[in-house]
Amino acid sequence: MENQNNVAATDAAPAVENGSNAQEVSSTTHVPAEPTKRSLRVQTWKKIQDNKCGVGFNTIFNRIPGFVDSDKAANLLSETEEFKKAQHIKVNIDRALHSVKLQTLLAGKTLYLPATRDSKAAYLRVEVPADATDDQKKEILNVQDVQNHRTEITLENKVKLDMVVIGSVVVSRDGYRIGRGNGFADQDIGLLTEIGSITPDTVIATMVHDLQVVDNLPKELFQKYDTPVDLIVTPKEVIHVSNRLPRPAGLFWELLSERRLKLVPVLQALKESQEEAGKVIVLKEQDTDIEQNQSQRSRRRGPIRRRFGRRNQRRAISQTDTEQQQGQDQQKRNPRRNRRFTNRRRRPTKSEGDHSGVEGKSQERKGAGGDRKQQQQQQQRNRKNRFARDFCIKLSNITRDVRVKDLKTELRKRECNPLYISWKGQFGKCYLHFGNRNGTPSTEEEIDKVLKALNDLSLTVTTGGGAGAGNASGAEGDAPPPQQTKTVSVNVELLKFDEKKAGEGDAAANGDAAAGGDAGSARIESVDTTTV
């Protein structure tokens, strides 16, 4: 009896240190009479939101929440004996675990990350040079391209992992864990156990905020596929689970559907490998994930539509529209959504002879939304019908008074005919896109021919002295400015595209990226700057 009191006092000590939030951190007294995993998740998400412990806007609910002081928790994890002994550490991609990945690289250990969804690899290894500095390791960790500093670990060359760090929504001090609810973390642990990367010696750790830790969770909520944890780290304490809970023995194929195997190709590869070895695998007949995803999408889209509808109804309308609305037996006015972005045309001046009233303006605004939509559709059709480009010529040093017609006139004189022109005169540049109309790639001779045609390119701009600019009165103040002519020298740069990505990026090249903006330069393999 005395020992039990001592244990209770020891468990209550961290709760006293946490102050006013001690009861919320270390107990489940506010849990409903019959709690579910969903109710416990929602309660924890609200708790994090109310205490302002989350990181990021709208990144708390329905996911593994990022929390403040996660770097402190990562430092505590790096000081544990389990972390110091581990050499091969796998960390999930949750935002709350970013500091753990950095600590793993800084400690000189091998870091593994989950594989991409369309890959048949079990996980990825982060490749770090031996002489890399701390700043270089941070840059390597933030690389988004999988082909850079990443090596795929397949089912054949698997590695034994010493520690696996996963995210959690709720975790108890005795090792029970609740994730965000999609089952991918438990599935990943089962997969790694099935192929032998996770052994009984592997430590499964989680890093959470103190508000996500409770004394205990109802045991009847957990199934055979739920993954427990051995080590819990918060910004304030490290919790070692004394009695390790039983882990999943591997994958439970009868709980996986065909749709889940299509989402995770490595599962399909493992299934085929085990079936070739003689194992009989039976999948779940009814897929319940589809209905769940559809209900989530419907719940997410509904409020957005209602919000836009109410906002449109509160907008001011013209007098003519008000009279029509009153004369239609209180019929609701339901404007289209794209009316929120109407095309505001220039109001005609009195000298142009427009004396229309409110009715004419209202009719003009009504047709603006439809005209804009038709223009967008026409632009998309034009982009799809464009020929594939092989190379691009960038023209810079274009002044603001240069017009695209000046450039076209000069190109006709030089017999230079690009497929299309992306005009960015307001930014002092434009792009000339070239390619063969018959679909064959351009040769070096054709490129040299274009460069020779653009040699010493200059544009002649005429300003002032417009006809009819003066007034009939002939007053001196109304006299048009004198006509001026100046020559603008244009810089020419040749941009070559990667041959491998040229075929894959034809659709994207004909879209917004091909408009000649800086986004288009992301598809450029090498830039051959040739000033002519």
Foldseek 3Di string as FASTA:
>chain_A
DVVVVVVVVVLLVVLVVVPPCSPLLAADPVADPDHALVSLLVVLLVVCVVVVFFDDDPQRALAQTAGPLLLLLLVVVCPDPLNVPWQEEEEEPDPSCLNVQLSCVVVVGWYWYQDDQPDLFLTKTFADDPPDDSVRSVVSSPDPDCVPRIDGHHLVRAAAGQEYEYTFSAAELQWFTRGSPPCPVLQSVQACLVSVNYDPNHFYEYEDASSRYYHDDDPVNDDLSGATGQWYTHSVDIRGNPDDDDHRNHDDQQAADPVVCNRHVNVVVVVVVVVVVPDDGDHHDDDPVVVVVVVVVVVVVVVVVVVLQVVVVPDDAFPVVVVVCVPPVNDDDGDDSQLVPFDDDDDDDVVVPDDDDRVVVRVVSNCRSVVVVVVVVVLLVVLVPAAQFFKKKKKFQAALQDDVVQVVVLCVVLVHDASDKQDPVVVGMIMGTHADPVNDGDDPVVVVSNVVSCPQPKTKGKDKPDPPQADPVPDPVSDIDDIDIDITTIWIWMFGFDPVCSVVCRSVCSPPLVSPDPSVCVRTPDTGGDGD
